[in-house]
Amino acid sequence: MSGTATPREEILRHLDRHDQAAGHAGVMRSGSLIIKPCTQAEIEFYALANQTQPLFAQWMPTYMGQLTLDKPGDQQQEGSVSAILESERFEQAVVLENIEWGFKRPSVLDIKLGKILTDEFVSEEKRIRLEKVSMSTTSWENHIRLTGMRVYPH
């Protein structure tokens, strides 16, 4: 960190949109960090995995903490860099290790494991919709689905 900048200011100074292979929009990166807008349940998953499942957690990006997101329009200056850290849908973001950091053009494969794509807290409408997605893809029978990839030639 330089001078009197806070950690949030330092993150914002280097923030840009992450060109991800799959997943929902709004994921950002700042150097060696990934900032992913998400639910409190996802934040708790990362925190709990590190505490209770260390062998599993070693295969996951390192959990660094969380950030509170602003709602669009709550910023003092429209179009400011800090306006990037806002979300209509989520109130917070998980901060994770950017495992692509240090690579020039990393090839990435995004997979979804398992055939059940929801938890017990989703609406019935969403559960039915995602069950249809699972049944119409390799998720249902093979318990794995390739959701996206980004490949660069060597």
N, C-alpha and C. Protein backbone atom coordinates (compact mmCIF):
# COMPACT_ATOMS: atom_id res chain seq x y z
N MET A 1 0.84 -1.17 0.00
CA MET A 1 0.00 0.00 0.00
C MET A 1 0.89 1.24 0.00
N SER A 2 0.41 2.28 -0.59
CA SER A 2 1.22 3.49 -0.66
C SER A 2 0.59 4.61 0.14
N GLY A 3 1.41 5.41 0.81
CA GLY A 3 0.95 6.59 1.53
C GLY A 3 -0.13 6.28 2.54
N THR A 4 -1.22 7.04 2.45
CA THR A 4 -2.32 6.87 3.41
C THR A 4 -3.54 6.21 2.79
N ALA A 5 -3.36 5.56 1.66
CA ALA A 5 -4.48 4.90 0.99
C ALA A 5 -5.00 3.75 1.85
N THR A 6 -6.31 3.61 1.91
CA THR A 6 -6.91 2.48 2.62
C THR A 6 -6.85 1.25 1.72
N PRO A 7 -7.01 0.04 2.29
CA PRO A 7 -7.02 -1.15 1.42
C PRO A 7 -8.06 -1.05 0.31
N ARG A 8 -9.26 -0.51 0.62
CA ARG A 8 -10.29 -0.37 -0.42
C ARG A 8 -9.83 0.56 -1.53
N GLU A 9 -9.20 1.70 -1.18
CA GLU A 9 -8.70 2.63 -2.20
C GLU A 9 -7.63 1.98 -3.06
N GLU A 10 -6.76 1.18 -2.44
CA GLU A 10 -5.70 0.49 -3.18
C GLU A 10 -6.30 -0.52 -4.15
N ILE A 11 -7.32 -1.25 -3.71
CA ILE A 11 -8.00 -2.20 -4.60
C ILE A 11 -8.66 -1.47 -5.75
N LEU A 12 -9.34 -0.37 -5.47
CA LEU A 12 -10.05 0.38 -6.50
C LEU A 12 -9.09 0.96 -7.54
N ARG A 13 -7.91 1.34 -7.12
CA ARG A 13 -6.94 1.95 -8.03
C ARG A 13 -6.58 1.00 -9.18
N HIS A 14 -6.60 -0.30 -8.93
CA HIS A 14 -6.17 -1.28 -9.94
C HIS A 14 -7.32 -2.17 -10.42
N LEU A 15 -8.54 -1.75 -10.21
CA LEU A 15 -9.70 -2.57 -10.50
C LEU A 15 -10.06 -2.55 -11.99
N ASP A 16 -10.36 -3.75 -12.53
CA ASP A 16 -10.90 -3.83 -13.88
C ASP A 16 -11.82 -5.04 -13.97
N ARG A 17 -12.61 -5.08 -15.04
CA ARG A 17 -13.54 -6.18 -15.21
C ARG A 17 -12.77 -7.46 -15.56
N HIS A 18 -13.23 -8.56 -15.01
CA HIS A 18 -12.58 -9.85 -15.23
C HIS A 18 -13.22 -10.55 -16.41
N ASP A 19 -12.41 -10.94 -17.37
CA ASP A 19 -12.88 -11.66 -18.56
C ASP A 19 -12.94 -13.14 -18.20
N GLN A 20 -14.03 -13.55 -17.56
CA GLN A 20 -14.15 -14.91 -17.05
C GLN A 20 -14.65 -15.86 -18.11
N ALA A 21 -14.42 -17.16 -17.87
CA ALA A 21 -14.83 -18.19 -18.82
C ALA A 21 -16.33 -18.47 -18.75
N ALA A 22 -16.92 -18.33 -17.58
CA ALA A 22 -18.36 -18.58 -17.38
C ALA A 22 -18.78 -17.92 -16.07
N GLY A 23 -20.06 -18.04 -15.75
CA GLY A 23 -20.56 -17.48 -14.50
C GLY A 23 -21.30 -16.18 -14.72
N HIS A 24 -21.80 -15.61 -13.60
CA HIS A 24 -22.58 -14.37 -13.73
C HIS A 24 -21.66 -13.17 -13.90
N ALA A 25 -22.20 -12.14 -14.53
CA ALA A 25 -21.44 -10.92 -14.80
C ALA A 25 -21.14 -10.17 -13.51
N GLY A 26 -20.18 -9.28 -13.58
CA GLY A 26 -19.88 -8.40 -12.46
C GLY A 26 -18.62 -8.77 -11.69
N VAL A 27 -17.96 -9.86 -12.07
CA VAL A 27 -16.72 -10.24 -11.39
C VAL A 27 -15.62 -9.27 -11.80
N MET A 28 -14.87 -8.79 -10.81
CA MET A 28 -13.80 -7.82 -11.04
C MET A 28 -12.48 -8.42 -10.59
N ARG A 29 -11.38 -7.82 -11.05
CA ARG A 29 -10.07 -8.23 -10.53
C ARG A 29 -9.27 -6.98 -10.24
N SER A 30 -8.40 -7.13 -9.26
CA SER A 30 -7.47 -6.08 -8.90
C SER A 30 -6.16 -6.76 -8.55
N GLY A 31 -5.28 -6.84 -9.53
CA GLY A 31 -4.00 -7.53 -9.31
C GLY A 31 -4.22 -8.98 -8.97
N SER A 32 -3.76 -9.39 -7.81
CA SER A 32 -3.83 -10.80 -7.41
C SER A 32 -5.15 -11.16 -6.73
N LEU A 33 -6.13 -10.25 -6.78
CA LEU A 33 -7.43 -10.48 -6.14
C LEU A 33 -8.55 -10.58 -7.17
N ILE A 34 -9.52 -11.43 -6.86
CA ILE A 34 -10.78 -11.50 -7.60
C ILE A 34 -11.87 -11.00 -6.64
N ILE A 35 -12.76 -10.16 -7.14
CA ILE A 35 -13.86 -9.62 -6.34
C ILE A 35 -15.15 -10.05 -7.04
N LYS A 36 -15.86 -10.97 -6.38
CA LYS A 36 -17.04 -11.58 -7.01
C LYS A 36 -18.30 -11.25 -6.21
N PRO A 37 -19.21 -10.45 -6.78
CA PRO A 37 -20.49 -10.20 -6.10
C PRO A 37 -21.20 -11.52 -5.86
N CYS A 38 -21.74 -11.70 -4.66
CA CYS A 38 -22.36 -12.99 -4.33
C CYS A 38 -23.29 -12.85 -3.13
N THR A 39 -23.90 -13.96 -2.79
CA THR A 39 -24.78 -14.02 -1.62
C THR A 39 -23.96 -14.24 -0.35
N GLN A 40 -24.58 -14.00 0.78
CA GLN A 40 -23.93 -14.27 2.06
C GLN A 40 -23.64 -15.77 2.19
N ALA A 41 -24.49 -16.61 1.64
CA ALA A 41 -24.28 -18.06 1.70
C ALA A 41 -22.97 -18.46 1.01
N GLU A 42 -22.65 -17.82 -0.11
CA GLU A 42 -21.40 -18.14 -0.80
C GLU A 42 -20.19 -17.69 0.01
N ILE A 43 -20.28 -16.52 0.62
CA ILE A 43 -19.20 -16.05 1.49
C ILE A 43 -18.99 -17.03 2.64
N GLU A 44 -20.09 -17.47 3.25
CA GLU A 44 -20.00 -18.43 4.35
C GLU A 44 -19.42 -19.76 3.89
N PHE A 45 -19.72 -20.17 2.65
CA PHE A 45 -19.16 -21.40 2.10
C PHE A 45 -17.63 -21.33 2.08
N TYR A 46 -17.09 -20.24 1.53
CA TYR A 46 -15.63 -20.10 1.46
C TYR A 46 -15.02 -20.07 2.86
N ALA A 47 -15.61 -19.30 3.75
CA ALA A 47 -15.07 -19.19 5.11
C ALA A 47 -15.12 -20.54 5.82
N LEU A 48 -16.24 -21.23 5.72
CA LEU A 48 -16.42 -22.52 6.40
C LEU A 48 -15.53 -23.60 5.80
N ALA A 49 -15.38 -23.61 4.47
CA ALA A 49 -14.52 -24.61 3.83
C ALA A 49 -13.10 -24.51 4.35
N ASN A 50 -12.61 -23.30 4.51
CA ASN A 50 -11.26 -23.11 5.03
C ASN A 50 -11.12 -23.61 6.47
N GLN A 51 -12.16 -23.43 7.26
CA GLN A 51 -12.11 -23.82 8.67
C GLN A 51 -12.33 -25.31 8.87
N THR A 52 -13.26 -25.90 8.12
CA THR A 52 -13.67 -27.27 8.43
C THR A 52 -13.22 -28.32 7.41
N GLN A 53 -12.84 -27.88 6.21
CA GLN A 53 -12.45 -28.82 5.16
C GLN A 53 -11.12 -28.39 4.52
N PRO A 54 -10.04 -28.35 5.29
CA PRO A 54 -8.78 -27.82 4.75
C PRO A 54 -8.25 -28.60 3.55
N LEU A 55 -8.48 -29.90 3.48
CA LEU A 55 -8.01 -30.67 2.32
C LEU A 55 -8.76 -30.28 1.06
N PHE A 56 -10.06 -30.02 1.19
CA PHE A 56 -10.87 -29.55 0.06
C PHE A 56 -10.49 -28.11 -0.29
N ALA A 57 -10.33 -27.29 0.72
CA ALA A 57 -10.05 -25.87 0.52
C ALA A 57 -8.73 -25.62 -0.19
N GLN A 58 -7.78 -26.56 -0.08
CA GLN A 58 -6.50 -26.34 -0.76
C GLN A 58 -6.64 -26.36 -2.29
N TRP A 59 -7.76 -26.87 -2.81
CA TRP A 59 -8.02 -26.88 -4.25
C TRP A 59 -8.81 -25.66 -4.70
N MET A 60 -9.19 -24.83 -3.75
CA MET A 60 -9.98 -23.63 -4.04
C MET A 60 -9.09 -22.40 -4.02
N PRO A 61 -9.50 -21.32 -4.70
CA PRO A 61 -8.76 -20.06 -4.54
C PRO A 61 -8.80 -19.65 -3.06
N THR A 62 -7.73 -19.05 -2.58
CA THR A 62 -7.66 -18.64 -1.18
C THR A 62 -8.71 -17.57 -0.89
N TYR A 63 -9.47 -17.78 0.16
CA TYR A 63 -10.50 -16.83 0.60
C TYR A 63 -9.81 -15.70 1.37
N MET A 64 -10.00 -14.45 0.93
CA MET A 64 -9.36 -13.29 1.54
C MET A 64 -10.30 -12.44 2.40
N GLY A 65 -11.60 -12.64 2.23
CA GLY A 65 -12.56 -11.84 2.98
C GLY A 65 -13.72 -11.40 2.11
N GLN A 66 -14.33 -10.30 2.51
CA GLN A 66 -15.49 -9.79 1.77
C GLN A 66 -15.47 -8.28 1.73
N LEU A 67 -16.20 -7.73 0.76
CA LEU A 67 -16.38 -6.28 0.62
C LEU A 67 -17.87 -5.99 0.57
N THR A 68 -18.26 -4.85 1.09
CA THR A 68 -19.63 -4.38 0.97
C THR A 68 -19.74 -3.61 -0.33
N LEU A 69 -20.79 -3.90 -1.10
CA LEU A 69 -21.00 -3.24 -2.39
C LEU A 69 -22.01 -2.11 -2.24
N ASP A 70 -21.85 -1.10 -3.07
CA ASP A 70 -22.79 0.00 -3.11
C ASP A 70 -23.91 -0.34 -4.08
N LYS A 71 -25.04 0.31 -3.91
CA LYS A 71 -26.14 0.22 -4.88
C LYS A 71 -25.89 1.26 -5.96
N PRO A 72 -26.22 0.97 -7.21
CA PRO A 72 -26.05 1.97 -8.26
C PRO A 72 -26.74 3.28 -7.89
N GLY A 73 -26.04 4.38 -8.12
CA GLY A 73 -26.59 5.70 -7.80
C GLY A 73 -26.22 6.19 -6.43
N ASP A 74 -25.63 5.36 -5.58
CA ASP A 74 -25.24 5.77 -4.24
C ASP A 74 -23.88 6.48 -4.21
N GLN A 75 -23.20 6.56 -5.33
CA GLN A 75 -21.86 7.15 -5.40
C GLN A 75 -21.95 8.67 -5.42
N GLN A 76 -20.86 9.31 -4.91
CA GLN A 76 -20.82 10.78 -4.96
C GLN A 76 -20.62 11.28 -6.39
N GLN A 77 -19.77 10.57 -7.16
CA GLN A 77 -19.50 11.00 -8.52
C GLN A 77 -19.91 9.91 -9.49
N GLU A 78 -20.80 10.23 -10.38
CA GLU A 78 -21.23 9.27 -11.40
C GLU A 78 -20.05 8.93 -12.29
N GLY A 79 -19.84 7.64 -12.56
CA GLY A 79 -18.76 7.21 -13.42
C GLY A 79 -17.41 7.11 -12.74
N SER A 80 -17.35 7.32 -11.43
CA SER A 80 -16.07 7.20 -10.74
C SER A 80 -15.63 5.75 -10.69
N VAL A 81 -14.34 5.54 -10.44
CA VAL A 81 -13.81 4.18 -10.37
C VAL A 81 -14.53 3.39 -9.28
N SER A 82 -14.85 4.01 -8.15
CA SER A 82 -15.51 3.28 -7.07
C SER A 82 -16.92 2.85 -7.44
N ALA A 83 -17.51 3.48 -8.47
CA ALA A 83 -18.84 3.07 -8.92
C ALA A 83 -18.83 1.67 -9.51
N ILE A 84 -17.64 1.16 -9.84
CA ILE A 84 -17.54 -0.21 -10.36
C ILE A 84 -17.91 -1.21 -9.28
N LEU A 85 -17.63 -0.90 -8.03
CA LEU A 85 -17.94 -1.81 -6.92
C LEU A 85 -19.36 -1.61 -6.45
N GLU A 86 -20.30 -1.83 -7.34
CA GLU A 86 -21.71 -1.72 -7.00
C GLU A 86 -22.47 -2.83 -7.68
N SER A 87 -23.64 -3.13 -7.12
CA SER A 87 -24.45 -4.21 -7.67
C SER A 87 -25.91 -3.97 -7.33
N GLU A 88 -26.77 -4.18 -8.31
CA GLU A 88 -28.21 -4.15 -8.07
C GLU A 88 -28.63 -5.39 -7.29
N ARG A 89 -28.00 -6.51 -7.60
CA ARG A 89 -28.43 -7.83 -7.14
C ARG A 89 -27.82 -8.26 -5.81
N PHE A 90 -26.58 -7.85 -5.54
CA PHE A 90 -25.87 -8.34 -4.36
C PHE A 90 -25.44 -7.19 -3.46
N GLU A 91 -25.37 -7.46 -2.16
CA GLU A 91 -24.94 -6.45 -1.20
C GLU A 91 -23.48 -6.58 -0.82
N GLN A 92 -22.88 -7.73 -1.12
CA GLN A 92 -21.48 -7.93 -0.79
C GLN A 92 -20.79 -8.75 -1.87
N ALA A 93 -19.47 -8.80 -1.76
CA ALA A 93 -18.65 -9.56 -2.70
C ALA A 93 -17.63 -10.35 -1.91
N VAL A 94 -17.34 -11.55 -2.38
CA VAL A 94 -16.27 -12.36 -1.80
C VAL A 94 -14.97 -11.94 -2.48
N VAL A 95 -13.91 -11.87 -1.69
CA VAL A 95 -12.58 -11.54 -2.22
C VAL A 95 -11.75 -12.81 -2.18
N LEU A 96 -11.28 -13.22 -3.36
CA LEU A 96 -10.54 -14.47 -3.51
C LEU A 96 -9.20 -14.23 -4.19
N GLU A 97 -8.31 -15.17 -4.02
CA GLU A 97 -7.05 -15.17 -4.74
C GLU A 97 -7.33 -15.29 -6.23
N ASN A 98 -6.66 -14.49 -7.04
CA ASN A 98 -6.76 -14.58 -8.50
C ASN A 98 -5.74 -15.62 -8.95
N ILE A 99 -6.17 -16.86 -9.17
CA ILE A 99 -5.23 -17.92 -9.51
C ILE A 99 -4.68 -17.78 -10.93
N GLU A 100 -5.19 -16.83 -11.70
CA GLU A 100 -4.63 -16.53 -13.02
C GLU A 100 -3.49 -15.53 -12.93
N TRP A 101 -3.31 -14.91 -11.76
CA TRP A 101 -2.32 -13.85 -11.57
C TRP A 101 -0.92 -14.38 -11.91
N GLY A 102 -0.19 -13.60 -12.70
CA GLY A 102 1.17 -13.98 -13.07
C GLY A 102 1.27 -14.68 -14.41
N PHE A 103 0.15 -15.15 -14.93
CA PHE A 103 0.15 -15.78 -16.25
C PHE A 103 -0.17 -14.72 -17.30
N LYS A 104 0.45 -14.81 -18.46
CA LYS A 104 0.22 -13.83 -19.52
C LYS A 104 -1.12 -14.05 -20.21
N ARG A 105 -1.39 -15.27 -20.61
CA ARG A 105 -2.64 -15.61 -21.29
C ARG A 105 -3.12 -16.98 -20.80
N PRO A 106 -3.67 -17.05 -19.62
CA PRO A 106 -4.05 -18.35 -19.07
C PRO A 106 -5.29 -18.93 -19.76
N SER A 107 -5.20 -20.20 -20.10
CA SER A 107 -6.38 -20.91 -20.58
C SER A 107 -7.16 -21.38 -19.36
N VAL A 108 -8.49 -21.24 -19.41
CA VAL A 108 -9.33 -21.52 -18.24
C VAL A 108 -10.49 -22.41 -18.65
N LEU A 109 -10.78 -23.40 -17.82
CA LEU A 109 -11.94 -24.26 -18.01
C LEU A 109 -12.82 -24.12 -16.77
N ASP A 110 -14.08 -23.77 -16.96
CA ASP A 110 -15.02 -23.62 -15.86
C ASP A 110 -15.97 -24.82 -15.89
N ILE A 111 -16.03 -25.55 -14.78
CA ILE A 111 -16.90 -26.72 -14.70
C ILE A 111 -17.88 -26.57 -13.54
N LYS A 112 -19.01 -27.23 -13.68
CA LYS A 112 -19.99 -27.30 -12.60
C LYS A 112 -20.09 -28.77 -12.21
N LEU A 113 -19.87 -29.04 -10.93
CA LEU A 113 -19.89 -30.41 -10.42
C LEU A 113 -21.23 -30.73 -9.77
N GLY A 114 -21.72 -31.93 -9.98
CA GLY A 114 -22.95 -32.38 -9.35
C GLY A 114 -24.16 -32.20 -10.23
N LYS A 115 -25.24 -32.88 -9.87
CA LYS A 115 -26.47 -32.76 -10.67
C LYS A 115 -27.49 -31.84 -10.02
N ILE A 116 -27.37 -31.57 -8.73
CA ILE A 116 -28.26 -30.65 -8.03
C ILE A 116 -27.62 -29.27 -8.07
N LEU A 117 -28.28 -28.30 -8.70
CA LEU A 117 -27.69 -26.98 -8.94
C LEU A 117 -28.22 -25.90 -8.00
N THR A 118 -28.99 -26.29 -7.00
CA THR A 118 -29.56 -25.32 -6.07
C THR A 118 -29.38 -25.80 -4.64
N ASP A 119 -29.75 -24.94 -3.71
CA ASP A 119 -29.80 -25.35 -2.30
C ASP A 119 -31.25 -25.27 -1.83
N GLU A 120 -31.47 -25.54 -0.57
CA GLU A 120 -32.85 -25.58 -0.06
C GLU A 120 -33.48 -24.20 0.11
N PHE A 121 -32.71 -23.13 -0.12
CA PHE A 121 -33.23 -21.79 0.12
C PHE A 121 -33.75 -21.08 -1.14
N VAL A 122 -33.64 -21.71 -2.31
CA VAL A 122 -34.10 -21.06 -3.54
C VAL A 122 -35.61 -21.21 -3.69
N SER A 123 -36.17 -20.35 -4.52
CA SER A 123 -37.61 -20.43 -4.77
C SER A 123 -37.92 -21.71 -5.54
N GLU A 124 -39.15 -22.14 -5.47
CA GLU A 124 -39.59 -23.34 -6.19
C GLU A 124 -39.41 -23.14 -7.70
N GLU A 125 -39.70 -21.95 -8.18
CA GLU A 125 -39.55 -21.63 -9.60
C GLU A 125 -38.10 -21.82 -10.05
N LYS A 126 -37.16 -21.30 -9.26
CA LYS A 126 -35.75 -21.43 -9.62
C LYS A 126 -35.29 -22.89 -9.51
N ARG A 127 -35.76 -23.60 -8.52
CA ARG A 127 -35.39 -25.01 -8.36
C ARG A 127 -35.82 -25.82 -9.58
N ILE A 128 -37.06 -25.61 -10.03
CA ILE A 128 -37.59 -26.33 -11.20
C ILE A 128 -36.80 -25.95 -12.45
N ARG A 129 -36.53 -24.65 -12.62
CA ARG A 129 -35.79 -24.18 -13.80
C ARG A 129 -34.39 -24.81 -13.86
N LEU A 130 -33.68 -24.82 -12.73
CA LEU A 130 -32.33 -25.38 -12.72
C LEU A 130 -32.32 -26.90 -12.77
N GLU A 131 -33.38 -27.52 -12.28
CA GLU A 131 -33.48 -28.98 -12.43
C GLU A 131 -33.63 -29.33 -13.91
N LYS A 132 -34.40 -28.54 -14.67
CA LYS A 132 -34.54 -28.76 -16.11
C LYS A 132 -33.19 -28.57 -16.81
N VAL A 133 -32.43 -27.55 -16.39
CA VAL A 133 -31.09 -27.34 -16.95
C VAL A 133 -30.23 -28.56 -16.69
N SER A 134 -30.24 -29.05 -15.48
CA SER A 134 -29.44 -30.22 -15.12
C SER A 134 -29.84 -31.44 -15.95
N MET A 135 -31.14 -31.67 -16.07
CA MET A 135 -31.63 -32.85 -16.79
C MET A 135 -31.35 -32.77 -18.29
N SER A 136 -31.23 -31.56 -18.83
CA SER A 136 -31.01 -31.41 -20.27
C SER A 136 -29.53 -31.28 -20.64
N THR A 137 -28.65 -31.42 -19.65
CA THR A 137 -27.21 -31.33 -19.91
C THR A 137 -26.51 -32.55 -19.28
N THR A 138 -25.22 -32.54 -19.35
CA THR A 138 -24.44 -33.65 -18.77
C THR A 138 -24.45 -33.62 -17.25
N SER A 139 -24.95 -32.57 -16.64
CA SER A 139 -24.99 -32.49 -15.17
C SER A 139 -25.78 -33.65 -14.57
N TRP A 140 -26.93 -33.97 -15.14
CA TRP A 140 -27.83 -34.95 -14.54
C TRP A 140 -27.22 -36.35 -14.53
N GLU A 141 -26.79 -36.80 -15.69
CA GLU A 141 -26.30 -38.18 -15.80
C GLU A 141 -24.84 -38.34 -15.35
N ASN A 142 -24.00 -37.37 -15.69
CA ASN A 142 -22.57 -37.49 -15.42
C ASN A 142 -22.09 -36.71 -14.20
N HIS A 143 -22.95 -35.87 -13.64
CA HIS A 143 -22.64 -35.05 -12.47
C HIS A 143 -21.51 -34.06 -12.72
N ILE A 144 -21.32 -33.69 -13.98
CA ILE A 144 -20.32 -32.69 -14.35
C ILE A 144 -20.77 -32.02 -15.65
N ARG A 145 -20.49 -30.72 -15.75
CA ARG A 145 -20.83 -29.99 -16.98
C ARG A 145 -19.76 -28.95 -17.23
N LEU A 146 -19.30 -28.87 -18.45
CA LEU A 146 -18.36 -27.82 -18.85
C LEU A 146 -19.18 -26.58 -19.16
N THR A 147 -19.02 -25.54 -18.35
CA THR A 147 -19.87 -24.35 -18.50
C THR A 147 -19.22 -23.26 -19.35
N GLY A 148 -17.93 -23.32 -19.54
CA GLY A 148 -17.26 -22.35 -20.37
C GLY A 148 -15.76 -22.58 -20.37
N MET A 149 -15.13 -22.02 -21.38
CA MET A 149 -13.66 -22.07 -21.40
C MET A 149 -13.11 -20.92 -22.22
N ARG A 150 -11.89 -20.59 -21.89
CA ARG A 150 -11.15 -19.56 -22.61
C ARG A 150 -9.79 -20.17 -22.89
N VAL A 151 -9.46 -20.32 -24.18
CA VAL A 151 -8.23 -21.00 -24.57
C VAL A 151 -7.40 -20.09 -25.46
N TYR A 152 -6.12 -20.00 -25.16
CA TYR A 152 -5.18 -19.25 -25.97
C TYR A 152 -4.18 -20.21 -26.59
N PRO A 153 -3.83 -20.02 -27.83
CA PRO A 153 -2.79 -20.86 -28.43
C PRO A 153 -1.46 -20.54 -27.79
N HIS A 154 -0.58 -21.51 -27.72
CA HIS A 154 0.74 -21.29 -27.09
C HIS A 154 1.67 -20.53 -27.96
